[in-house]
Amino acid sequence: VMLLSHSVTPDIDSVPQLKKYAEEQGVLDHKWNLVTGDKKQIY
């Protein structure tokens, strides 16, 4: 089992921003991906 969270504000949620958030929330990299990217694709 794994987890996948998509940012709906990818312009704001850059990789550094996601990394900071992941560390604050105790995200385990091998279990839970917080992802950003092309807004149209995510939506």
PDB file of all heavy atoms in Angstrom:
ATOM      1  N   VAL A   1       0.824  -1.210   0.000  1.00  0.00           N
ATOM      2  CA  VAL A   1       0.000   0.000   0.000  1.00  0.00           C
ATOM      3  C   VAL A   1       0.861   1.266   0.000  1.00  0.00           C
ATOM      4  O   VAL A   1       1.867   1.344   0.710  1.00  0.00           O
ATOM      5  CB  VAL A   1      -0.939   0.031   1.231  1.00  0.00           C
ATOM      6  CG1 VAL A   1      -1.904   1.206   1.139  1.00  0.00           C
ATOM      7  CG2 VAL A   1      -1.708  -1.281   1.354  1.00  0.00           C
ATOM      8  N   MET A   2       0.427   2.267  -0.803  1.00  0.00           N
ATOM      9  CA  MET A   2       1.109   3.562  -0.846  1.00  0.00           C
ATOM     10  C   MET A   2       0.089   4.694  -0.836  1.00  0.00           C
ATOM     11  O   MET A   2      -1.126   4.461  -0.869  1.00  0.00           O
ATOM     12  CB  MET A   2       1.995   3.654  -2.093  1.00  0.00           C
ATOM     13  CG  MET A   2       3.193   2.718  -2.092  1.00  0.00           C
ATOM     14  SD  MET A   2       4.241   2.875  -3.571  1.00  0.00           S
ATOM     15  CE  MET A   2       4.862   4.557  -3.370  1.00  0.00           C
ATOM     16  N   LEU A   3       0.582   5.932  -0.796  1.00  0.00           N
ATOM     17  CA  LEU A   3      -0.257   7.136  -0.770  1.00  0.00           C
ATOM     18  C   LEU A   3       0.195   8.089  -1.879  1.00  0.00           C
ATOM     19  O   LEU A   3       1.367   8.101  -2.254  1.00  0.00           O
ATOM     20  CB  LEU A   3      -0.160   7.834   0.584  1.00  0.00           C
ATOM     21  CG  LEU A   3      -0.396   6.968   1.829  1.00  0.00           C
ATOM     22  CD1 LEU A   3      -0.131   7.770   3.096  1.00  0.00           C
ATOM     23  CD2 LEU A   3      -1.811   6.404   1.844  1.00  0.00           C
ATOM     24  N   LEU A   4      -0.740   8.908  -2.365  1.00  0.00           N
ATOM     25  CA  LEU A   4      -0.430   9.860  -3.434  1.00  0.00           C
ATOM     26  C   LEU A   4      -1.278  11.114  -3.268  1.00  0.00           C
ATOM     27  O   LEU A   4      -2.505  11.051  -3.358  1.00  0.00           O
ATOM     28  CB  LEU A   4      -0.697   9.225  -4.794  1.00  0.00           C
ATOM     29  CG  LEU A   4      -0.485  10.078  -6.034  1.00  0.00           C
ATOM     30  CD1 LEU A   4       0.975  10.543  -6.136  1.00  0.00           C
ATOM     31  CD2 LEU A   4      -0.885   9.320  -7.302  1.00  0.00           C
ATOM     32  N   SER A   5      -0.618  12.254  -3.012  1.00  0.00           N
ATOM     33  CA  SER A   5      -1.325  13.525  -2.842  1.00  0.00           C
ATOM     34  C   SER A   5      -0.914  14.487  -3.951  1.00  0.00           C
ATOM     35  O   SER A   5       0.272  14.752  -4.153  1.00  0.00           O
ATOM     36  CB  SER A   5      -1.003  14.144  -1.476  1.00  0.00           C
ATOM     37  OG  SER A   5      -1.523  13.351  -0.429  1.00  0.00           O
ATOM     38  N   HIS A   6      -1.919  15.027  -4.666  1.00  0.00           N
ATOM     39  CA  HIS A   6      -1.679  15.924  -5.789  1.00  0.00           C
ATOM     40  C   HIS A   6      -1.916  17.374  -5.359  1.00  0.00           C
ATOM     41  O   HIS A   6      -2.986  17.686  -4.821  1.00  0.00           O
ATOM     42  CB  HIS A   6      -2.641  15.631  -6.933  1.00  0.00           C
ATOM     43  CG  HIS A   6      -2.712  14.197  -7.357  1.00  0.00           C
ATOM     44  ND1 HIS A   6      -3.339  13.221  -6.601  1.00  0.00           N
ATOM     45  CD2 HIS A   6      -2.245  13.584  -8.476  1.00  0.00           C
ATOM     46  CE1 HIS A   6      -3.257  12.063  -7.252  1.00  0.00           C
ATOM     47  NE2 HIS A   6      -2.600  12.258  -8.374  1.00  0.00           N
ATOM     48  N   SER A   7      -0.981  18.248  -5.640  1.00  0.00           N
ATOM     49  CA  SER A   7      -1.191  19.668  -5.354  1.00  0.00           C
ATOM     50  C   SER A   7      -2.110  20.274  -6.406  1.00  0.00           C
ATOM     51  O   SER A   7      -1.906  20.078  -7.611  1.00  0.00           O
ATOM     52  CB  SER A   7       0.135  20.429  -5.354  1.00  0.00           C
ATOM     53  OG  SER A   7      -0.122  21.828  -5.308  1.00  0.00           O
ATOM     54  N   VAL A   8      -3.111  21.042  -5.954  1.00  0.00           N
ATOM     55  CA  VAL A   8      -4.006  21.720  -6.887  1.00  0.00           C
ATOM     56  C   VAL A   8      -3.558  23.165  -7.142  1.00  0.00           C
ATOM     57  O   VAL A   8      -4.185  23.895  -7.904  1.00  0.00           O
ATOM     58  CB  VAL A   8      -5.472  21.695  -6.393  1.00  0.00           C
ATOM     59  CG1 VAL A   8      -5.954  20.254  -6.281  1.00  0.00           C
ATOM     60  CG2 VAL A   8      -5.644  22.436  -5.072  1.00  0.00           C
ATOM     61  N   THR A   9      -2.465  23.564  -6.487  1.00  0.00           N
ATOM     62  CA  THR A   9      -1.837  24.856  -6.777  1.00  0.00           C
ATOM     63  C   THR A   9      -0.370  24.610  -7.126  1.00  0.00           C
ATOM     64  O   THR A   9       0.536  25.028  -6.400  1.00  0.00           O
ATOM     65  CB  THR A   9      -1.953  25.826  -5.580  1.00  0.00           C
ATOM     66  OG1 THR A   9      -1.331  25.220  -4.424  1.00  0.00           O
ATOM     67  CG2 THR A   9      -3.395  26.164  -5.265  1.00  0.00           C
ATOM     68  N   PRO A  10      -0.118  23.923  -8.239  1.00  0.00           N
ATOM     69  CA  PRO A  10       1.259  23.535  -8.562  1.00  0.00           C
ATOM     70  C   PRO A  10       2.193  24.717  -8.797  1.00  0.00           C
ATOM     71  O   PRO A  10       3.407  24.583  -8.608  1.00  0.00           O
ATOM     72  CB  PRO A  10       1.096  22.689  -9.834  1.00  0.00           C
ATOM     73  CG  PRO A  10      -0.228  23.086 -10.410  1.00  0.00           C
ATOM     74  CD  PRO A  10      -1.088  23.432  -9.240  1.00  0.00           C
ATOM     75  N   ASP A  11       1.640  25.878  -9.184  1.00  0.00           N
ATOM     76  CA  ASP A  11       2.493  27.056  -9.366  1.00  0.00           C
ATOM     77  C   ASP A  11       3.079  27.526  -8.034  1.00  0.00           C
ATOM     78  O   ASP A  11       4.200  28.041  -7.979  1.00  0.00           O
ATOM     79  CB  ASP A  11       1.699  28.203 -10.010  1.00  0.00           C
ATOM     80  CG  ASP A  11       1.307  27.891 -11.445  1.00  0.00           C
ATOM     81  OD1 ASP A  11       1.943  27.002 -12.049  1.00  0.00           O
ATOM     82  OD2 ASP A  11       0.368  28.526 -11.962  1.00  0.00           O
ATOM     83  N   ILE A  12       2.317  27.337  -6.957  1.00  0.00           N
ATOM     84  CA  ILE A  12       2.786  27.717  -5.620  1.00  0.00           C
ATOM     85  C   ILE A  12       3.577  26.578  -4.993  1.00  0.00           C
ATOM     86  O   ILE A  12       4.621  26.795  -4.369  1.00  0.00           O
ATOM     87  CB  ILE A  12       1.580  28.081  -4.721  1.00  0.00           C
ATOM     88  CG1 ILE A  12       0.866  29.316  -5.265  1.00  0.00           C
ATOM     89  CG2 ILE A  12       2.028  28.303  -3.277  1.00  0.00           C
ATOM     90  CD1 ILE A  12      -0.435  29.635  -4.561  1.00  0.00           C
ATOM     91  N   ASP A  13       3.084  25.368  -5.174  1.00  0.00           N
ATOM     92  CA  ASP A  13       3.703  24.212  -4.530  1.00  0.00           C
ATOM     93  C   ASP A  13       4.864  23.676  -5.373  1.00  0.00           C
ATOM     94  O   ASP A  13       4.769  22.638  -6.037  1.00  0.00           O
ATOM     95  CB  ASP A  13       2.653  23.131  -4.271  1.00  0.00           C
ATOM     96  CG  ASP A  13       1.708  23.520  -3.157  1.00  0.00           C
ATOM     97  OD1 ASP A  13       2.124  24.301  -2.278  1.00  0.00           O
ATOM     98  OD2 ASP A  13       0.551  23.040  -3.150  1.00  0.00           O
ATOM     99  N   SER A  14       5.957  24.390  -5.301  1.00  0.00           N
ATOM    100  CA  SER A  14       7.192  23.969  -5.959  1.00  0.00           C
ATOM    101  C   SER A  14       7.777  22.773  -5.216  1.00  0.00           C
ATOM    102  O   SER A  14       7.311  22.408  -4.127  1.00  0.00           O
ATOM    103  CB  SER A  14       8.198  25.118  -5.951  1.00  0.00           C
ATOM    104  OG  SER A  14       8.507  25.462  -4.598  1.00  0.00           O
ATOM    105  N   VAL A  15       8.815  22.187  -5.776  1.00  0.00           N
ATOM    106  CA  VAL A  15       9.464  21.059  -5.104  1.00  0.00           C
ATOM    107  C   VAL A  15       9.969  21.457  -3.712  1.00  0.00           C
ATOM    108  O   VAL A  15       9.713  20.740  -2.740  1.00  0.00           O
ATOM    109  CB  VAL A  15      10.599  20.480  -5.978  1.00  0.00           C
ATOM    110  CG1 VAL A  15      11.441  19.483  -5.180  1.00  0.00           C
ATOM    111  CG2 VAL A  15      10.018  19.803  -7.217  1.00  0.00           C
ATOM    112  N   PRO A  16      10.679  22.600  -3.557  1.00  0.00           N
ATOM    113  CA  PRO A  16      11.123  22.984  -2.207  1.00  0.00           C
ATOM    114  C   PRO A  16       9.963  23.179  -1.233  1.00  0.00           C
ATOM    115  O   PRO A  16      10.071  22.829  -0.056  1.00  0.00           O
ATOM    116  CB  PRO A  16      11.887  24.293  -2.442  1.00  0.00           C
ATOM    117  CG  PRO A  16      12.352  24.212  -3.855  1.00  0.00           C
ATOM    118  CD  PRO A  16      11.249  23.501  -4.583  1.00  0.00           C
ATOM    119  N   GLN A  17       8.860  23.755  -1.738  1.00  0.00           N
ATOM    120  CA  GLN A  17       7.690  23.965  -0.881  1.00  0.00           C
ATOM    121  C   GLN A  17       7.095  22.624  -0.443  1.00  0.00           C
ATOM    122  O   GLN A  17       6.739  22.435   0.731  1.00  0.00           O
ATOM    123  CB  GLN A  17       6.636  24.793  -1.628  1.00  0.00           C
ATOM    124  CG  GLN A  17       5.324  25.002  -0.884  1.00  0.00           C
ATOM    125  CD  GLN A  17       5.419  25.960   0.286  1.00  0.00           C
ATOM    126  OE1 GLN A  17       6.477  26.534   0.550  1.00  0.00           O
ATOM    127  NE2 GLN A  17       4.316  26.131   0.997  1.00  0.00           N
ATOM    128  N   LEU A  18       7.003  21.672  -1.379  1.00  0.00           N
ATOM    129  CA  LEU A  18       6.482  20.345  -1.037  1.00  0.00           C
ATOM    130  C   LEU A  18       7.416  19.629  -0.066  1.00  0.00           C
ATOM    131  O   LEU A  18       6.955  18.938   0.849  1.00  0.00           O
ATOM    132  CB  LEU A  18       6.301  19.497  -2.295  1.00  0.00           C
ATOM    133  CG  LEU A  18       5.122  19.829  -3.210  1.00  0.00           C
ATOM    134  CD1 LEU A  18       5.092  18.850  -4.379  1.00  0.00           C
ATOM    135  CD2 LEU A  18       3.794  19.805  -2.469  1.00  0.00           C
ATOM    136  N   LYS A  19       8.720  19.802  -0.260  1.00  0.00           N
ATOM    137  CA  LYS A  19       9.687  19.150   0.624  1.00  0.00           C
ATOM    138  C   LYS A  19       9.565  19.680   2.040  1.00  0.00           C
ATOM    139  O   LYS A  19       9.569  18.904   3.011  1.00  0.00           O
ATOM    140  CB  LYS A  19      11.112  19.381   0.102  1.00  0.00           C
ATOM    141  CG  LYS A  19      12.177  18.623   0.889  1.00  0.00           C
ATOM    142  CD  LYS A  19      11.989  17.111   0.783  1.00  0.00           C
ATOM    143  CE  LYS A  19      13.103  16.353   1.498  1.00  0.00           C
ATOM    144  NZ  LYS A  19      12.899  14.893   1.442  1.00  0.00           N
ATOM    145  N   LYS A  20       9.425  20.979   2.171  1.00  0.00           N
ATOM    146  CA  LYS A  20       9.257  21.603   3.496  1.00  0.00           C
ATOM    147  C   LYS A  20       7.984  21.067   4.158  1.00  0.00           C
ATOM    148  O   LYS A  20       7.988  20.707   5.341  1.00  0.00           O
ATOM    149  CB  LYS A  20       9.190  23.122   3.336  1.00  0.00           C
ATOM    150  CG  LYS A  20       8.972  23.898   4.635  1.00  0.00           C
ATOM    151  CD  LYS A  20       9.045  25.402   4.347  1.00  0.00           C
ATOM    152  CE  LYS A  20       8.811  26.231   5.606  1.00  0.00           C
ATOM    153  NZ  LYS A  20       7.421  26.166   6.081  1.00  0.00           N
ATOM    154  N   TYR A  21       6.905  21.036   3.398  1.00  0.00           N
ATOM    155  CA  TYR A  21       5.622  20.554   3.912  1.00  0.00           C
ATOM    156  C   TYR A  21       5.726  19.077   4.308  1.00  0.00           C
ATOM    157  O   TYR A  21       5.224  18.662   5.361  1.00  0.00           O
ATOM    158  CB  TYR A  21       4.559  20.744   2.837  1.00  0.00           C
ATOM    159  CG  TYR A  21       3.137  20.496   3.291  1.00  0.00           C
ATOM    160  CD1 TYR A  21       2.434  21.458   4.007  1.00  0.00           C
ATOM    161  CD2 TYR A  21       2.477  19.310   2.963  1.00  0.00           C
ATOM    162  CE1 TYR A  21       1.112  21.241   4.397  1.00  0.00           C
ATOM    163  CE2 TYR A  21       1.167  19.086   3.349  1.00  0.00           C
ATOM    164  CZ  TYR A  21       0.491  20.058   4.072  1.00  0.00           C
ATOM    165  OH  TYR A  21      -0.811  19.834   4.454  1.00  0.00           O
ATOM    166  N   ALA A  22       6.394  18.285   3.457  1.00  0.00           N
ATOM    167  CA  ALA A  22       6.548  16.858   3.733  1.00  0.00           C
ATOM    168  C   ALA A  22       7.301  16.623   5.037  1.00  0.00           C
ATOM    169  O   ALA A  22       6.934  15.762   5.840  1.00  0.00           O
ATOM    170  CB  ALA A  22       7.275  16.175   2.573  1.00  0.00           C
ATOM    171  N   GLU A  23       8.342  17.390   5.255  1.00  0.00           N
ATOM    172  CA  GLU A  23       9.131  17.245   6.487  1.00  0.00           C
ATOM    173  C   GLU A  23       8.305  17.648   7.707  1.00  0.00           C
ATOM    174  O   GLU A  23       8.381  17.011   8.767  1.00  0.00           O
ATOM    175  CB  GLU A  23      10.402  18.087   6.388  1.00  0.00           C
ATOM    176  CG  GLU A  23      11.413  17.519   5.386  1.00  0.00           C
ATOM    177  CD  GLU A  23      12.610  18.420   5.182  1.00  0.00           C
ATOM    178  OE1 GLU A  23      12.557  19.596   5.624  1.00  0.00           O
ATOM    179  OE2 GLU A  23      13.602  17.960   4.579  1.00  0.00           O
ATOM    180  N   GLU A  24       7.505  18.704   7.562  1.00  0.00           N
ATOM    181  CA  GLU A  24       6.661  19.158   8.671  1.00  0.00           C
ATOM    182  C   GLU A  24       5.586  18.126   9.030  1.00  0.00           C
ATOM    183  O   GLU A  24       5.207  17.992  10.196  1.00  0.00           O
ATOM    184  CB  GLU A  24       5.980  20.477   8.304  1.00  0.00           C
ATOM    185  CG  GLU A  24       6.937  21.658   8.212  1.00  0.00           C
ATOM    186  CD  GLU A  24       6.273  22.900   7.623  1.00  0.00           C
ATOM    187  OE1 GLU A  24       5.135  22.792   7.100  1.00  0.00           O
ATOM    188  OE2 GLU A  24       6.901  23.977   7.665  1.00  0.00           O
ATOM    189  N   GLN A  25       5.122  17.399   8.015  1.00  0.00           N
ATOM    190  CA  GLN A  25       4.018  16.448   8.228  1.00  0.00           C
ATOM    191  C   GLN A  25       4.491  15.020   8.477  1.00  0.00           C
ATOM    192  O   GLN A  25       3.677  14.115   8.644  1.00  0.00           O
ATOM    193  CB  GLN A  25       3.074  16.468   7.007  1.00  0.00           C
ATOM    194  CG  GLN A  25       2.513  17.841   6.670  1.00  0.00           C
ATOM    195  CD  GLN A  25       1.716  18.456   7.802  1.00  0.00           C
ATOM    196  OE1 GLN A  25       1.026  17.745   8.552  1.00  0.00           O
ATOM    197  NE2 GLN A  25       1.777  19.774   7.935  1.00  0.00           N
ATOM    198  N   GLY A  26       5.792  14.808   8.492  1.00  0.00           N
ATOM    199  CA  GLY A  26       6.312  13.469   8.755  1.00  0.00           C
ATOM    200  C   GLY A  26       6.113  12.496   7.614  1.00  0.00           C
ATOM    201  O   GLY A  26       5.948  11.286   7.831  1.00  0.00           O
ATOM    202  N   VAL A  27       6.136  13.006   6.386  1.00  0.00           N
ATOM    203  CA  VAL A  27       5.941  12.152   5.222  1.00  0.00           C
ATOM    204  C   VAL A  27       7.128  11.194   5.051  1.00  0.00           C
ATOM    205  O   VAL A  27       8.287  11.617   5.101  1.00  0.00           O
ATOM    206  CB  VAL A  27       5.775  13.009   3.941  1.00  0.00           C
ATOM    207  CG1 VAL A  27       5.811  12.146   2.689  1.00  0.00           C
ATOM    208  CG2 VAL A  27       4.468  13.801   4.010  1.00  0.00           C
ATOM    209  N   LEU A  28       6.824   9.921   4.839  1.00  0.00           N
ATOM    210  CA  LEU A  28       7.847   8.923   4.534  1.00  0.00           C
ATOM    211  C   LEU A  28       7.943   8.807   3.018  1.00  0.00           C
ATOM    212  O   LEU A  28       6.976   8.427   2.348  1.00  0.00           O
ATOM    213  CB  LEU A  28       7.471   7.562   5.135  1.00  0.00           C
ATOM    214  CG  LEU A  28       7.284   7.528   6.662  1.00  0.00           C
ATOM    215  CD1 LEU A  28       6.799   6.140   7.097  1.00  0.00           C
ATOM    216  CD2 LEU A  28       8.579   7.884   7.378  1.00  0.00           C
ATOM    217  N   ASP A  29       9.119   9.141   2.490  1.00  0.00           N
ATOM    218  CA  ASP A  29       9.271   9.247   1.036  1.00  0.00           C
ATOM    219  C   ASP A  29       8.917   7.957   0.296  1.00  0.00           C
ATOM    220  O   ASP A  29       8.396   8.003  -0.825  1.00  0.00           O
ATOM    221  CB  ASP A  29      10.705   9.651   0.682  1.00  0.00           C
ATOM    222  CG  ASP A  29      11.023  11.085   1.104  1.00  0.00           C
ATOM    223  OD1 ASP A  29      10.074  11.872   1.282  1.00  0.00           O
ATOM    224  OD2 ASP A  29      12.213  11.409   1.260  1.00  0.00           O
ATOM    225  N   HIS A  30       9.188   6.800   0.914  1.00  0.00           N
ATOM    226  CA  HIS A  30       8.943   5.540   0.217  1.00  0.00           C
ATOM    227  C   HIS A  30       7.470   5.125   0.256  1.00  0.00           C
ATOM    228  O   HIS A  30       7.069   4.182  -0.442  1.00  0.00           O
ATOM    229  CB  HIS A  30       9.809   4.416   0.798  1.00  0.00           C
ATOM    230  CG  HIS A  30       9.425   4.002   2.180  1.00  0.00           C
ATOM    231  ND1 HIS A  30       9.651   4.796   3.296  1.00  0.00           N
ATOM    232  CD2 HIS A  30       8.807   2.874   2.645  1.00  0.00           C
ATOM    233  CE1 HIS A  30       9.204   4.168   4.370  1.00  0.00           C
ATOM    234  NE2 HIS A  30       8.689   3.012   4.001  1.00  0.00           N
ATOM    235  N   LYS A  31       6.665   5.834   1.077  1.00  0.00           N
ATOM    236  CA  LYS A  31       5.246   5.487   1.203  1.00  0.00           C
ATOM    237  C   LYS A  31       4.311   6.518   0.582  1.00  0.00           C
ATOM    238  O   LYS A  31       3.210   6.170   0.147  1.00  0.00           O
ATOM    239  CB  LYS A  31       4.864   5.354   2.685  1.00  0.00           C
ATOM    240  CG  LYS A  31       5.563   4.250   3.436  1.00  0.00           C
ATOM    241  CD  LYS A  31       5.331   2.879   2.830  1.00  0.00           C
ATOM    242  CE  LYS A  31       3.907   2.429   2.930  1.00  0.00           C
ATOM    243  NZ  LYS A  31       3.729   1.049   2.362  1.00  0.00           N
ATOM    244  N   TRP A  32       4.751   7.777   0.555  1.00  0.00           N
ATOM    245  CA  TRP A  32       3.810   8.860   0.266  1.00  0.00           C
ATOM    246  C   TRP A  32       4.467   9.897  -0.632  1.00  0.00           C
ATOM    247  O   TRP A  32       5.431  10.546  -0.250  1.00  0.00           O
ATOM    248  CB  TRP A  32       3.382   9.469   1.588  1.00  0.00           C
ATOM    249  CG  TRP A  32       2.314  10.512   1.563  1.00  0.00           C
ATOM    250  CD1 TRP A  32       1.638  10.995   0.481  1.00  0.00           C
ATOM    251  CD2 TRP A  32       1.784  11.201   2.705  1.00  0.00           C
ATOM    252  NE1 TRP A  32       0.729  11.945   0.869  1.00  0.00           N
ATOM    253  CE2 TRP A  32       0.798  12.082   2.228  1.00  0.00           C
ATOM    254  CE3 TRP A  32       2.062  11.164   4.070  1.00  0.00           C
ATOM    255  CZ2 TRP A  32       0.089  12.922   3.086  1.00  0.00           C
ATOM    256  CZ3 TRP A  32       1.356  11.983   4.918  1.00  0.00           C
ATOM    257  CH2 TRP A  32       0.380  12.857   4.442  1.00  0.00           C
ATOM    258  N   ASN A  33       3.946  10.030  -1.843  1.00  0.00           N
ATOM    259  CA  ASN A  33       4.410  11.057  -2.779  1.00  0.00           C
ATOM    260  C   ASN A  33       3.467  12.253  -2.761  1.00  0.00           C
ATOM    261  O   ASN A  33       2.254  12.102  -2.933  1.00  0.00           O
ATOM    262  CB  ASN A  33       4.475  10.498  -4.201  1.00  0.00           C
ATOM    263  CG  ASN A  33       5.634   9.552  -4.401  1.00  0.00           C
ATOM    264  OD1 ASN A  33       6.794   9.941  -4.252  1.00  0.00           O
ATOM    265  ND2 ASN A  33       5.340   8.301  -4.737  1.00  0.00           N
ATOM    266  N   LEU A  34       4.030  13.437  -2.535  1.00  0.00           N
ATOM    267  CA  LEU A  34       3.314  14.694  -2.728  1.00  0.00           C
ATOM    268  C   LEU A  34       3.770  15.208  -4.087  1.00  0.00           C
ATOM    269  O   LEU A  34       4.958  15.444  -4.286  1.00  0.00           O
ATOM    270  CB  LEU A  34       3.664  15.712  -1.644  1.00  0.00           C
ATOM    271  CG  LEU A  34       3.638  15.250  -0.183  1.00  0.00           C
ATOM    272  CD1 LEU A  34       3.983  16.419   0.743  1.00  0.00           C
ATOM    273  CD2 LEU A  34       2.286  14.671   0.184  1.00  0.00           C
ATOM    274  N   VAL A  35       2.851  15.378  -5.023  1.00  0.00           N
ATOM    275  CA  VAL A  35       3.279  15.679  -6.387  1.00  0.00           C
ATOM    276  C   VAL A  35       2.760  17.020  -6.899  1.00  0.00           C
ATOM    277  O   VAL A  35       1.669  17.474  -6.559  1.00  0.00           O
ATOM    278  CB  VAL A  35       2.861  14.557  -7.366  1.00  0.00           C
ATOM    279  CG1 VAL A  35       3.651  13.285  -7.069  1.00  0.00           C
ATOM    280  CG2 VAL A  35       1.371  14.279  -7.322  1.00  0.00           C
ATOM    281  N   THR A  36       3.588  17.638  -7.715  1.00  0.00           N
ATOM    282  CA  THR A  36       3.273  18.881  -8.412  1.00  0.00           C
ATOM    283  C   THR A  36       3.576  18.665  -9.883  1.00  0.00           C
ATOM    284  O   THR A  36       4.077  17.615 -10.275  1.00  0.00           O
ATOM    285  CB  THR A  36       4.088  20.051  -7.828  1.00  0.00           C
ATOM    286  OG1 THR A  36       3.637  21.281  -8.406  1.00  0.00           O
ATOM    287  CG2 THR A  36       5.579  19.883  -8.072  1.00  0.00           C
ATOM    288  N   GLY A  37       3.245  19.654 -10.698  1.00  0.00           N
ATOM    289  CA  GLY A  37       3.504  19.500 -12.128  1.00  0.00           C
ATOM    290  C   GLY A  37       2.554  20.344 -12.952  1.00  0.00           C
ATOM    291  O   GLY A  37       2.097  21.407 -12.516  1.00  0.00           O
ATOM    292  N   ASP A  38       2.231  19.869 -14.130  1.00  0.00           N
ATOM    293  CA  ASP A  38       1.343  20.594 -15.043  1.00  0.00           C
ATOM    294  C   ASP A  38      -0.075  20.658 -14.478  1.00  0.00           C
ATOM    295  O   ASP A  38      -0.688  19.624 -14.201  1.00  0.00           O
ATOM    296  CB  ASP A  38       1.341  19.891 -16.399  1.00  0.00           C
ATOM    297  CG  ASP A  38       0.420  20.573 -17.384  1.00  0.00           C
ATOM    298  OD1 ASP A  38       0.717  21.706 -17.799  1.00  0.00           O
ATOM    299  OD2 ASP A  38      -0.628  19.971 -17.719  1.00  0.00           O
ATOM    300  N   LYS A  39      -0.582  21.866 -14.323  1.00  0.00           N
ATOM    301  CA  LYS A  39      -1.898  22.056 -13.705  1.00  0.00           C
ATOM    302  C   LYS A  39      -3.009  21.374 -14.504  1.00  0.00           C
ATOM    303  O   LYS A  39      -3.893  20.727 -13.924  1.00  0.00           O
ATOM    304  CB  LYS A  39      -2.198  23.545 -13.545  1.00  0.00           C
ATOM    305  CG  LYS A  39      -3.514  23.832 -12.835  1.00  0.00           C
ATOM    306  CD  LYS A  39      -3.731  25.332 -12.646  1.00  0.00           C
ATOM    307  CE  LYS A  39      -5.067  25.603 -11.955  1.00  0.00           C
ATOM    308  NZ  LYS A  39      -5.306  27.062 -11.767  1.00  0.00           N
ATOM    309  N   LYS A  40      -2.967  21.512 -15.816  1.00  0.00           N
ATOM    310  CA  LYS A  40      -4.013  20.905 -16.640  1.00  0.00           C
ATOM    311  C   LYS A  40      -4.040  19.388 -16.453  1.00  0.00           C
ATOM    312  O   LYS A  40      -5.109  18.772 -16.398  1.00  0.00           O
ATOM    313  CB  LYS A  40      -3.799  21.256 -18.116  1.00  0.00           C
ATOM    314  CG  LYS A  40      -4.195  22.683 -18.477  1.00  0.00           C
ATOM    315  CD  LYS A  40      -4.048  22.921 -19.965  1.00  0.00           C
ATOM    316  CE  LYS A  40      -4.476  24.338 -20.325  1.00  0.00           C
ATOM    317  NZ  LYS A  40      -5.937  24.542 -20.157  1.00  0.00           N
ATOM    318  N   GLN A  41      -2.852  18.778 -16.362  1.00  0.00           N
ATOM    319  CA  GLN A  41      -2.785  17.329 -16.164  1.00  0.00           C
ATOM    320  C   GLN A  41      -3.386  16.932 -14.819  1.00  0.00           C
ATOM    321  O   GLN A  41      -4.177  15.983 -14.738  1.00  0.00           O
ATOM    322  CB  GLN A  41      -1.331  16.839 -16.247  1.00  0.00           C
ATOM    323  CG  GLN A  41      -1.209  15.336 -16.063  1.00  0.00           C
ATOM    324  CD  GLN A  41       0.233  14.838 -15.995  1.00  0.00           C
ATOM    325  OE1 GLN A  41       0.468  13.654 -15.799  1.00  0.00           O
ATOM    326  NE2 GLN A  41       1.200  15.728 -16.137  1.00  0.00           N
ATOM    327  N   ILE A  42      -3.026  17.664 -13.766  1.00  0.00           N
ATOM    328  CA  ILE A  42      -3.534  17.351 -12.428  1.00  0.00           C
ATOM    329  C   ILE A  42      -5.050  17.513 -12.358  1.00  0.00           C
ATOM    330  O   ILE A  42      -5.761  16.659 -11.811  1.00  0.00           O
ATOM    331  CB  ILE A  42      -2.845  18.231 -11.366  1.00  0.00           C
ATOM    332  CG1 ILE A  42      -1.356  17.850 -11.259  1.00  0.00           C
ATOM    333  CG2 ILE A  42      -3.528  18.088 -10.009  1.00  0.00           C
ATOM    334  CD1 ILE A  42      -0.531  18.801 -10.422  1.00  0.00           C
ATOM    335  N   TYR A  43      -5.552  18.580 -12.952  1.00  0.00           N
ATOM    336  CA  TYR A  43      -6.984  18.839 -12.899  1.00  0.00           C
ATOM    337  C   TYR A  43      -7.767  17.838 -13.739  1.00  0.00           C
ATOM    338  O   TYR A  43      -8.889  17.448 -13.392  1.00  0.00           O
ATOM    339  CB  TYR A  43      -7.277  20.270 -13.332  1.00  0.00           C
ATOM    340  CG  TYR A  43      -7.081  21.279 -12.219  1.00  0.00           C
ATOM    341  CD1 TYR A  43      -5.948  21.240 -11.403  1.00  0.00           C
ATOM    342  CD2 TYR A  43      -8.013  22.269 -11.968  1.00  0.00           C
ATOM    343  CE1 TYR A  43      -5.752  22.142 -10.375  1.00  0.00           C
ATOM    344  CE2 TYR A  43      -7.833  23.190 -10.935  1.00  0.00           C
ATOM    345  CZ  TYR A  43      -6.705  23.120 -10.145  1.00  0.00           C
ATOM    346  OH  TYR A  43      -6.524  24.027  -9.124  1.00  0.00           O
TER     347      TYR A  43
END
